[in-house]
Amino acid sequence: MNKRILLAGMLGAIAMFIWASLAHMVLPLGETGFKEIPSEQAVLNSLQASLGTQPGLYIYPGLGLPPGATREQKNEAMKAAEQKLATTPSGLLLYHPPGAEGFSARRLITEFITEMAEVLIAVFLLSQTRISSYGGRVGFIMLVGLAAVITTNVSYWNWYGFPGNYTLAYMFTGFMGYLFAGMVAAKALGKYAPVALSRAA
């Protein structure tokens, strides 16, 4: 990978990381859509008694299928689950047993590495185009960001019922991260000639 592209990606990732930190620690975006459970301790005690040390993503109501269920059993269970939805609560539960890791340096480093990979991919894709203007390059990375933020967020809202305000807040946070990354990366690229133009020359 060209050193100019690598530099642009790293600087863009720093800009994205700074924005994400501000969005979650200074602005209310990171808290949007979350609620605390009434009578929390009673619910936590019940969860620990039921799930113990088994972390995981649980869906309820469950299908109640035995191991190795046949397709016919699965179809019948799906029909029963549809009926349950009319009379019982439903949703997803992400459970961690006692001792889970909180805010840590490892998680911050993982987040930065993830964002650096995102921006490097966007800048690399940009380098394969004929776009040479600053505005065009920023716009390209913004479009990559738009595709990224709708990929999972909208599906989770649609299929699993994630709160609309949570979905919009996280889409906005992610999209703005790509905007700031694009502004910095495009500036860092300077007069770097896109690969497509270099090959055509």
Protein backbone atom coordinates (compact mmCIF):
# COMPACT_ATOMS: atom_id res chain seq x y z
CA MET A 1 0.00 0.00 0.00
CA ASN A 2 1.32 3.47 -0.96
CA LYS A 3 2.78 5.42 1.98
CA ARG A 4 0.57 8.41 1.19
CA ILE A 5 -2.53 6.20 1.34
CA LEU A 6 -1.34 4.65 4.60
CA LEU A 7 -0.70 8.08 6.15
CA ALA A 8 -4.09 9.37 5.01
CA GLY A 9 -5.79 6.32 6.47
CA MET A 10 -4.03 6.62 9.82
CA LEU A 11 -4.72 10.36 10.16
CA GLY A 12 -8.32 9.82 9.12
CA ALA A 13 -8.66 7.08 11.75
CA ILE A 14 -7.37 9.44 14.44
CA ALA A 15 -10.01 11.99 13.42
CA MET A 16 -12.73 9.32 13.52
CA PHE A 17 -11.55 8.10 16.94
CA ILE A 18 -11.54 11.61 18.40
CA TRP A 19 -15.07 12.24 17.10
CA ALA A 20 -16.34 8.90 18.44
CA SER A 21 -14.81 9.65 21.85
CA LEU A 22 -16.51 13.06 21.97
CA ALA A 23 -19.82 11.61 20.77
CA HIS A 24 -19.86 9.01 23.54
CA MET A 25 -18.24 10.85 26.44
CA VAL A 26 -19.25 14.49 25.91
CA LEU A 27 -22.38 14.43 23.75
CA PRO A 28 -25.49 12.41 24.68
CA LEU A 29 -25.34 10.32 21.49
CA GLY A 30 -23.77 7.30 23.19
CA GLU A 31 -26.63 7.11 25.71
CA THR A 32 -29.50 7.61 23.28
CA GLY A 33 -31.99 4.76 23.25
CA PHE A 34 -30.82 3.10 26.47
CA LYS A 35 -33.03 2.70 29.53
CA GLU A 36 -32.39 1.34 33.00
CA ILE A 37 -34.45 -1.63 34.23
CA PRO A 38 -36.94 -0.89 37.00
CA SER A 39 -36.32 -3.08 40.08
CA GLU A 40 -32.97 -3.90 38.51
CA GLN A 41 -31.54 -6.01 41.32
CA ALA A 42 -34.47 -8.43 41.29
CA VAL A 43 -34.09 -8.86 37.52
CA LEU A 44 -30.31 -9.34 37.81
CA ASN A 45 -30.74 -11.95 40.50
CA SER A 46 -33.21 -13.81 38.30
CA LEU A 47 -30.88 -13.66 35.31
CA GLN A 48 -27.92 -14.94 37.27
CA ALA A 49 -30.01 -17.76 38.75
CA SER A 50 -31.24 -18.76 35.28
CA LEU A 51 -28.14 -18.21 33.12
CA GLY A 52 -25.32 -18.52 35.64
CA THR A 53 -21.94 -18.37 33.91
CA GLN A 54 -23.26 -18.85 30.36
CA PRO A 55 -22.60 -15.61 28.44
CA GLY A 56 -24.38 -15.13 25.15
CA LEU A 57 -26.99 -13.40 23.04
CA TYR A 58 -30.39 -14.82 23.93
CA ILE A 59 -33.62 -14.42 22.01
CA TYR A 60 -37.05 -14.73 23.59
CA PRO A 61 -39.52 -16.26 23.34
CA GLY A 62 -37.45 -19.23 22.25
CA LEU A 63 -38.52 -21.90 19.79
CA GLY A 64 -37.94 -24.69 22.31
CA LEU A 65 -36.50 -27.02 19.70
CA PRO A 66 -34.56 -30.17 20.64
CA PRO A 67 -31.08 -30.78 19.20
CA GLY A 68 -31.26 -32.08 15.64
CA ALA A 69 -34.82 -30.86 15.10
CA THR A 70 -36.38 -31.72 11.76
CA ARG A 71 -37.53 -29.11 9.27
CA GLU A 72 -41.12 -29.97 10.09
CA GLN A 73 -40.48 -29.39 13.80
CA LYS A 74 -38.83 -26.06 12.99
CA ASN A 75 -41.79 -24.96 10.87
CA GLU A 76 -44.23 -25.88 13.64
CA ALA A 77 -42.10 -24.07 16.22
CA MET A 78 -42.02 -20.94 14.06
CA LYS A 79 -45.81 -20.95 13.83
CA ALA A 80 -46.09 -21.32 17.60
CA ALA A 81 -43.58 -18.49 18.11
CA GLU A 82 -45.67 -16.21 15.90
CA GLN A 83 -48.66 -16.87 18.14
CA LYS A 84 -46.60 -16.26 21.29
CA LEU A 85 -45.65 -12.78 20.08
CA ALA A 86 -49.25 -11.64 20.49
CA THR A 87 -49.37 -12.47 24.20
CA THR A 88 -45.79 -12.55 25.56
CA PRO A 89 -42.85 -10.10 25.64
CA SER A 90 -40.15 -10.58 23.02
CA GLY A 91 -36.66 -9.34 22.35
CA LEU A 92 -32.93 -9.95 22.62
CA LEU A 93 -30.87 -10.27 25.79
CA LEU A 94 -27.09 -9.82 25.80
CA TYR A 95 -25.87 -11.47 28.99
CA HIS A 96 -22.48 -11.42 30.70
CA PRO A 97 -21.93 -13.23 34.00
CA PRO A 98 -20.30 -11.41 36.93
CA GLY A 99 -16.70 -10.35 36.29
CA ALA A 100 -17.17 -8.81 32.85
CA GLU A 101 -14.57 -6.28 31.68
CA GLY A 102 -15.57 -2.63 31.89
CA PHE A 103 -13.98 0.46 30.31
CA SER A 104 -10.37 -0.50 29.59
CA ALA A 105 -7.30 0.35 27.53
CA ARG A 106 -7.66 -2.93 25.62
CA ARG A 107 -11.12 -1.95 24.42
CA LEU A 108 -9.96 1.53 23.41
CA ILE A 109 -7.08 0.03 21.43
CA THR A 110 -9.42 -2.47 19.78
CA GLU A 111 -11.79 0.35 18.85
CA PHE A 112 -8.99 2.42 17.31
CA ILE A 113 -7.62 -0.51 15.33
CA THR A 114 -11.12 -1.21 14.03
CA GLU A 115 -11.61 2.39 12.95
CA MET A 116 -8.17 2.48 11.34
CA ALA A 117 -9.10 -0.61 9.30
CA GLU A 118 -12.38 1.05 8.24
CA VAL A 119 -10.67 4.24 7.09
CA LEU A 120 -7.80 2.43 5.37
CA ILE A 121 -10.32 0.39 3.37
CA ALA A 122 -12.20 3.56 2.41
CA VAL A 123 -9.01 5.38 1.38
CA PHE A 124 -7.76 2.36 -0.56
CA LEU A 125 -11.06 2.19 -2.47
CA LEU A 126 -10.79 5.92 -3.11
CA SER A 127 -7.30 5.42 -4.54
CA GLN A 128 -8.74 3.08 -7.17
CA THR A 129 -10.98 5.83 -8.59
CA ARG A 130 -10.30 8.83 -10.84
CA ILE A 131 -11.45 11.30 -8.18
CA SER A 132 -8.83 13.98 -7.63
CA SER A 133 -10.71 16.94 -6.10
CA TYR A 134 -10.86 17.46 -2.34
CA GLY A 135 -14.66 17.65 -2.26
CA GLY A 136 -15.01 14.58 -4.44
CA ARG A 137 -12.70 12.56 -2.21
CA VAL A 138 -14.54 13.60 0.96
CA GLY A 139 -17.85 12.76 -0.72
CA PHE A 140 -16.59 9.33 -1.75
CA ILE A 141 -15.57 8.43 1.81
CA MET A 142 -18.89 9.77 3.09
CA LEU A 143 -20.72 7.41 0.70
CA VAL A 144 -18.61 4.50 1.97
CA GLY A 145 -19.59 5.57 5.48
CA LEU A 146 -23.28 5.76 4.56
CA ALA A 147 -23.15 2.20 3.25
CA ALA A 148 -21.39 1.10 6.44
CA VAL A 149 -23.83 2.67 8.90
CA ILE A 150 -26.98 1.35 7.22
CA THR A 151 -25.62 -2.18 6.74
CA THR A 152 -26.40 -3.47 10.24
CA ASN A 153 -28.20 -0.64 12.01
CA VAL A 154 -31.28 -0.60 9.79
CA SER A 155 -31.53 -4.40 9.79
CA TYR A 156 -31.35 -4.53 13.59
CA TRP A 157 -34.09 -1.90 13.82
CA ASN A 158 -36.23 -3.72 11.26
CA TRP A 159 -35.87 -7.32 12.45
CA TYR A 160 -35.05 -7.08 16.15
CA GLY A 161 -36.85 -3.90 17.11
CA PHE A 162 -33.85 -1.82 18.17
CA PRO A 163 -35.15 1.61 19.30
CA GLY A 164 -35.47 4.15 16.49
CA ASN A 165 -33.64 6.87 18.44
CA TYR A 166 -30.78 4.46 19.23
CA THR A 167 -30.55 3.49 15.55
CA LEU A 168 -30.54 7.09 14.32
CA ALA A 169 -28.01 8.19 16.96
CA TYR A 170 -25.56 5.42 16.08
CA MET A 171 -26.02 5.93 12.35
CA PHE A 172 -25.37 9.65 12.81
CA THR A 173 -22.32 9.02 14.99
CA GLY A 174 -20.85 6.58 12.49
CA PHE A 175 -21.61 8.74 9.46
CA MET A 176 -20.05 11.83 11.03
CA GLY A 177 -16.99 9.75 11.85
CA TYR A 178 -16.56 9.00 8.16
CA LEU A 179 -17.12 12.66 7.32
CA PHE A 180 -14.32 13.82 9.64
CA ALA A 181 -12.09 10.96 8.54
CA GLY A 182 -12.74 11.87 4.91
CA MET A 183 -11.92 15.52 5.48
CA VAL A 184 -8.58 14.67 7.11
CA ALA A 185 -7.70 11.82 4.74
CA ALA A 186 -8.50 13.87 1.63
CA LYS A 187 -6.29 16.67 2.93
CA ALA A 188 -3.48 14.23 3.68
CA LEU A 189 -3.68 12.79 0.16
CA GLY A 190 -2.94 16.26 -1.20
CA LYS A 191 -2.10 16.09 -4.88
CA TYR A 192 -1.67 12.33 -4.82
CA ALA A 193 -2.74 11.02 -8.25
CA PRO A 194 -5.43 8.33 -8.13
CA VAL A 195 -4.24 4.92 -9.35
CA ALA A 196 -6.77 4.97 -12.18
CA LEU A 197 -5.33 8.23 -13.51
CA SER A 198 -1.74 7.03 -13.07
CA ARG A 199 -2.46 3.93 -15.12
CA ALA A 200 -4.18 5.96 -17.84
CA ALA A 201 -1.26 8.36 -18.14
